[in-house]
């Protein structure tokens, strides 16, 4: 008789995600805020240059829409790279280890950048092919970034992620849907901070357009920084849980979290 396959408890992962989020908030919020301000400022500048340089056409609008989707995927992966390793350390050991995480990020910068470029491209191509292949690809690569940063295997993180997620992609789809709904709720709550902040900035008489633009980007970045870590933390915890299910060796900290 074939033994029953252990389940991936989605509710426990979501609960643990917000436990880790809350305990690591002092790291996640400033790190994501600084990165988001820089990312938004560069994106706005590039968009402005494109808008001023090219004549609007249907094909240009389609290309810009595709580019915007790619940029959003890239942003999500970059944020995931920033939060995954601290989340794993906090989840396993009860502490973040900022210096250890930063050193690992710098050492793995080249494969991390490569992964951040590969995943959006293959995922978007999958979405173009009737949407469903994009969903499948995103689930297959759900834990690629945690694998890369935790196991330091370079681009072998891609087949490793495919192996870890095999037999659990329906559960990961449920996890993705649930965390997306929660993020939408958080985004709605964050809008109560962002909208008054934007209106307040509009009421100020700031003559320098660069400073005014930077302040507006900062308000938007603060709202994004509140919600952006959720996806990366949930991927990190799903990775730890999948590794435990498939390879065993759960730590005492891990067992306590899921009790």
Protein backbone atom coordinates (compact mmCIF):
# COMPACT_ATOMS: atom_id res chain seq x y z
CA UNK A 1 0.00 0.00 0.00
CA UNK A 2 1.38 3.37 -1.04
CA UNK A 3 1.64 5.75 1.96
CA UNK A 4 -0.38 8.95 1.79
CA UNK A 5 1.57 11.95 0.55
CA UNK A 6 2.03 14.59 3.28
CA UNK A 7 -0.09 17.66 2.65
CA UNK A 8 1.15 21.20 2.21
CA UNK A 9 -0.89 23.09 4.78
CA UNK A 10 -1.69 26.37 3.05
CA UNK A 11 -3.38 27.97 6.07
CA UNK A 12 -0.36 27.26 8.27
CA UNK A 13 1.95 28.76 5.65
CA UNK A 14 -0.17 31.92 5.45
CA UNK A 15 -0.28 32.17 9.25
CA UNK A 16 3.50 31.68 9.46
CA UNK A 17 4.01 34.22 6.67
CA UNK A 18 2.39 36.99 8.70
CA UNK A 19 4.13 35.85 11.89
CA UNK A 20 7.50 36.20 10.13
CA UNK A 21 6.38 39.45 8.47
CA UNK A 22 5.49 41.00 11.82
CA UNK A 23 8.64 39.81 13.61
CA UNK A 24 10.89 41.03 10.78
CA UNK A 25 9.06 44.26 10.03
CA UNK A 26 11.96 46.42 11.22
CA UNK A 27 14.06 44.90 8.40
CA UNK A 28 11.50 44.28 5.66
CA UNK A 29 9.88 47.73 5.63
CA UNK A 30 13.04 49.91 5.38
CA UNK A 31 14.78 47.56 2.93
CA UNK A 32 11.81 47.35 0.56
CA UNK A 33 11.06 51.06 0.94
CA UNK A 34 14.57 52.10 -0.13
CA UNK A 35 14.59 49.63 -3.02
CA UNK A 36 11.10 50.66 -4.18
CA UNK A 37 11.94 54.38 -4.19
CA UNK A 38 14.96 53.69 -6.41
CA UNK A 39 13.06 51.25 -8.65
CA UNK A 40 10.07 53.57 -9.10
CA UNK A 41 12.29 56.59 -9.81
CA UNK A 42 14.27 54.71 -12.49
CA UNK A 43 11.09 53.24 -14.03
CA UNK A 44 9.42 56.67 -14.16
CA UNK A 45 12.49 58.20 -15.82
CA UNK A 46 12.70 55.43 -18.45
CA UNK A 47 8.95 55.69 -19.16
CA UNK A 48 9.27 59.46 -19.56
CA UNK A 49 12.15 59.11 -22.01
CA UNK A 50 10.20 56.55 -24.08
CA UNK A 51 7.05 58.69 -24.08
CA UNK A 52 8.99 61.77 -25.24
CA UNK A 53 11.04 59.95 -27.88
CA UNK A 54 8.49 57.76 -29.67
CA UNK A 55 5.27 58.46 -31.55
CA UNK A 56 2.28 56.69 -29.95
CA UNK A 57 0.92 53.79 -32.01
CA UNK A 58 -1.15 50.70 -31.28
CA UNK A 59 1.93 48.50 -31.45
CA UNK A 60 3.87 50.83 -29.17
CA UNK A 61 1.03 50.75 -26.63
CA UNK A 62 0.99 46.94 -26.77
CA UNK A 63 4.75 46.84 -26.35
CA UNK A 64 4.55 49.25 -23.40
CA UNK A 65 1.82 47.13 -21.77
CA UNK A 66 3.96 44.02 -22.17
CA UNK A 67 6.96 45.92 -20.82
CA UNK A 68 4.97 47.14 -17.83
CA UNK A 69 3.92 43.57 -16.99
CA UNK A 70 7.54 42.46 -17.27
CA UNK A 71 8.66 45.30 -15.00
CA UNK A 72 6.06 44.32 -12.40
CA UNK A 73 7.27 40.72 -12.47
CA UNK A 74 10.87 41.92 -12.22
CA UNK A 75 10.01 44.13 -9.26
CA UNK A 76 8.30 41.24 -7.48
CA UNK A 77 11.32 38.98 -7.99
CA UNK A 78 13.76 41.65 -6.79
CA UNK A 79 11.66 42.17 -3.67
CA UNK A 80 11.53 38.40 -3.19
CA UNK A 81 15.33 38.26 -3.40
CA UNK A 82 15.58 40.89 -0.65
CA UNK A 83 13.19 39.18 1.77
CA UNK A 84 13.61 35.44 1.11
CA UNK A 85 16.86 34.77 2.95
CA UNK A 86 16.03 36.86 6.04
CA UNK A 87 12.58 35.20 6.12
CA UNK A 88 14.13 31.71 5.98
CA UNK A 89 16.59 32.58 8.75
CA UNK A 90 13.86 34.12 10.89
CA UNK A 91 11.57 31.14 10.30
CA UNK A 92 14.23 28.50 10.99
CA UNK A 93 16.42 30.15 13.61
CA UNK A 94 14.24 32.88 15.10
CA UNK A 95 16.59 35.66 13.97
CA UNK A 96 17.20 37.44 10.68
CA UNK A 97 20.99 37.61 10.43
CA UNK A 98 21.14 40.81 8.35
CA UNK A 99 24.91 40.68 7.75
CA UNK A 100 24.80 37.00 6.80
CA UNK A 101 21.89 37.60 4.40
CA UNK A 102 23.56 40.67 2.84
CA UNK A 103 26.82 38.80 2.30
CA UNK A 104 24.98 35.91 0.64
CA UNK A 105 23.06 38.31 -1.63
CA UNK A 106 26.28 39.96 -2.78
CA UNK A 107 28.00 36.61 -3.42
CA UNK A 108 25.02 35.35 -5.45
CA UNK A 109 24.34 38.61 -7.24
CA UNK A 110 25.12 37.31 -10.77
CA UNK A 111 22.87 34.19 -10.71
CA UNK A 112 20.22 36.15 -8.83
CA UNK A 113 20.12 38.81 -11.57
CA UNK A 114 20.01 36.07 -14.22
CA UNK A 115 17.09 34.38 -12.47
CA UNK A 116 15.29 37.73 -12.16
CA UNK A 117 15.56 38.10 -15.94
CA UNK A 118 14.77 34.51 -16.94
CA UNK A 119 11.65 33.97 -14.85
CA UNK A 120 9.69 37.05 -16.08
CA UNK A 121 10.49 36.23 -19.71
CA UNK A 122 9.42 32.56 -19.60
CA UNK A 123 6.40 33.37 -17.41
CA UNK A 124 5.17 36.13 -19.73
CA UNK A 125 5.64 33.89 -22.77
CA UNK A 126 3.53 31.30 -20.98
CA UNK A 127 0.80 33.85 -20.23
CA UNK A 128 0.78 34.90 -23.89
CA UNK A 129 0.17 31.23 -24.81
CA UNK A 130 -3.46 31.18 -23.58
CA UNK A 131 -2.63 32.13 -19.95
CA UNK A 132 -2.68 28.61 -18.46
CA UNK A 133 0.97 27.80 -19.39
CA UNK A 134 2.00 30.98 -17.59
CA UNK A 135 0.25 29.85 -14.42
CA UNK A 136 1.90 26.41 -14.66
CA UNK A 137 5.36 27.92 -15.21
CA UNK A 138 4.95 30.34 -12.29
CA UNK A 139 3.97 27.43 -10.00
CA UNK A 140 6.89 25.30 -11.21
CA UNK A 141 9.28 28.16 -10.41
CA UNK A 142 7.50 29.18 -7.21
CA UNK A 143 10.49 28.43 -4.95
CA UNK A 144 13.33 29.05 -7.45
CA UNK A 145 14.56 32.17 -5.66
CA UNK A 146 14.54 30.58 -2.17
CA UNK A 147 16.42 27.58 -3.60
CA UNK A 148 19.02 29.82 -5.25
CA UNK A 149 19.68 31.87 -2.12
CA UNK A 150 19.47 29.10 0.47
CA UNK A 151 21.22 26.26 -1.37
CA UNK A 152 23.56 28.39 -3.53
CA UNK A 153 23.10 26.19 -6.60
CA UNK A 154 23.07 28.91 -9.27
CA UNK A 155 20.65 28.42 -12.13
CA UNK A 156 20.19 24.80 -11.09
CA UNK A 157 17.61 26.39 -8.83
CA UNK A 158 15.18 26.17 -11.77
CA UNK A 159 15.06 22.35 -12.09
CA UNK A 160 15.37 22.08 -8.30
CA UNK A 161 12.26 24.24 -7.89
CA UNK A 162 10.43 22.15 -10.49
CA UNK A 163 11.27 19.03 -8.50
CA UNK A 164 10.29 20.46 -5.11
CA UNK A 165 6.95 21.78 -6.36
CA UNK A 166 6.00 18.56 -8.19
CA UNK A 167 2.78 17.04 -6.72
CA UNK A 168 2.08 20.25 -4.77
CA UNK A 169 1.25 22.77 -7.48
CA UNK A 170 -2.49 22.79 -6.74
CA UNK A 171 -1.68 23.64 -3.12
CA UNK A 172 0.73 26.35 -4.28
CA UNK A 173 -1.98 27.73 -6.57
CA UNK A 174 -4.30 27.94 -3.56
CA UNK A 175 -1.53 29.63 -1.57
CA UNK A 176 -0.98 32.14 -4.39
CA UNK A 177 -4.69 32.96 -4.62
CA UNK A 178 -5.04 33.34 -0.85
CA UNK A 179 -1.97 35.55 -0.46
CA UNK A 180 -3.09 37.64 -3.46
CA UNK A 181 -6.45 38.26 -1.81
CA UNK A 182 -4.74 39.25 1.43
CA UNK A 183 -2.38 41.56 -0.46
CA UNK A 184 -5.37 43.22 -2.14
CA UNK A 185 -6.86 43.85 1.30
CA UNK A 186 -3.55 45.27 2.55
CA UNK A 187 -3.31 47.44 -0.57
CA UNK A 188 -6.79 48.79 0.10
CA UNK A 189 -5.79 49.63 3.68
CA UNK A 190 -2.51 51.16 2.48
CA UNK A 191 -4.46 53.44 0.14
CA UNK A 192 -5.77 55.23 3.23
CA UNK A 193 -2.15 56.28 3.83
CA UNK A 194 -1.10 56.85 0.23
CA UNK A 195 -4.09 58.91 -0.96
CA UNK A 196 -4.01 61.54 1.84
CA UNK A 197 -0.23 61.66 1.49
CA UNK A 198 -0.46 62.36 -2.25
CA UNK A 199 -3.13 65.02 -1.71
CA UNK A 200 -1.02 66.65 0.99
CA UNK A 201 1.97 66.76 -1.35
CA UNK A 202 -0.19 68.34 -4.06
CA UNK A 203 -1.19 71.05 -1.61
CA UNK A 204 2.45 71.99 -0.97
CA UNK A 205 4.08 74.59 -3.16
CA UNK A 206 7.26 72.76 -4.13
CA UNK A 207 8.92 74.57 -7.00
CA UNK A 208 11.52 71.94 -7.85
CA UNK A 209 9.81 69.26 -10.00
CA UNK A 210 12.52 66.70 -9.22
CA UNK A 211 11.94 67.02 -5.46
CA UNK A 212 8.17 66.96 -5.95
CA UNK A 213 8.46 63.81 -8.07
CA UNK A 214 10.73 62.10 -5.56
CA UNK A 215 8.30 62.84 -2.72
CA UNK A 216 5.38 61.43 -4.70
CA UNK A 217 7.41 58.31 -5.50
CA UNK A 218 8.24 57.97 -1.79
CA UNK A 219 4.56 57.98 -0.85
CA UNK A 220 3.81 55.30 -3.44
CA UNK A 221 6.86 53.32 -2.35
CA UNK A 222 5.72 53.33 1.27
CA UNK A 223 2.40 51.79 0.29
CA UNK A 224 4.16 49.16 -1.83
CA UNK A 225 6.68 48.42 0.91
CA UNK A 226 3.83 47.44 3.24
CA UNK A 227 2.48 44.75 0.92
CA UNK A 228 5.46 43.72 -1.23
CA UNK A 229 7.23 41.38 1.26
CA UNK A 230 4.21 39.06 1.63
CA UNK A 231 4.78 37.08 -1.58
CA UNK A 232 8.48 36.57 -0.94
CA UNK A 233 7.96 35.46 2.66
CA UNK A 234 5.24 32.99 1.67
CA UNK A 235 7.54 31.55 -1.04
CA UNK A 236 10.35 31.20 1.53
CA UNK A 237 8.14 29.36 4.01
CA UNK A 238 6.62 27.18 1.28
CA UNK A 239 10.18 26.25 0.25
CA UNK A 240 11.14 25.25 3.80
CA UNK A 241 7.94 23.23 4.17
CA UNK A 242 8.36 21.48 0.77
CA UNK A 243 11.96 20.64 1.61
CA UNK A 244 10.85 19.17 4.92
CA UNK A 245 8.11 17.10 3.25
CA UNK A 246 10.33 15.74 0.47
CA UNK A 247 13.64 15.44 2.31
CA UNK A 248 12.80 15.42 6.02
CA UNK A 249 14.94 17.01 8.70
CA UNK A 250 12.50 19.56 10.13
CA UNK A 251 14.06 21.71 12.80
CA UNK A 252 12.56 22.19 16.25
CA UNK A 253 11.71 25.77 15.31
CA UNK A 254 9.86 24.57 12.22
CA UNK A 255 7.87 22.01 14.20
CA UNK A 256 6.87 24.61 16.78
CA UNK A 257 5.64 27.00 14.08
CA UNK A 258 3.36 24.38 12.55
CA UNK A 259 2.03 23.07 15.87
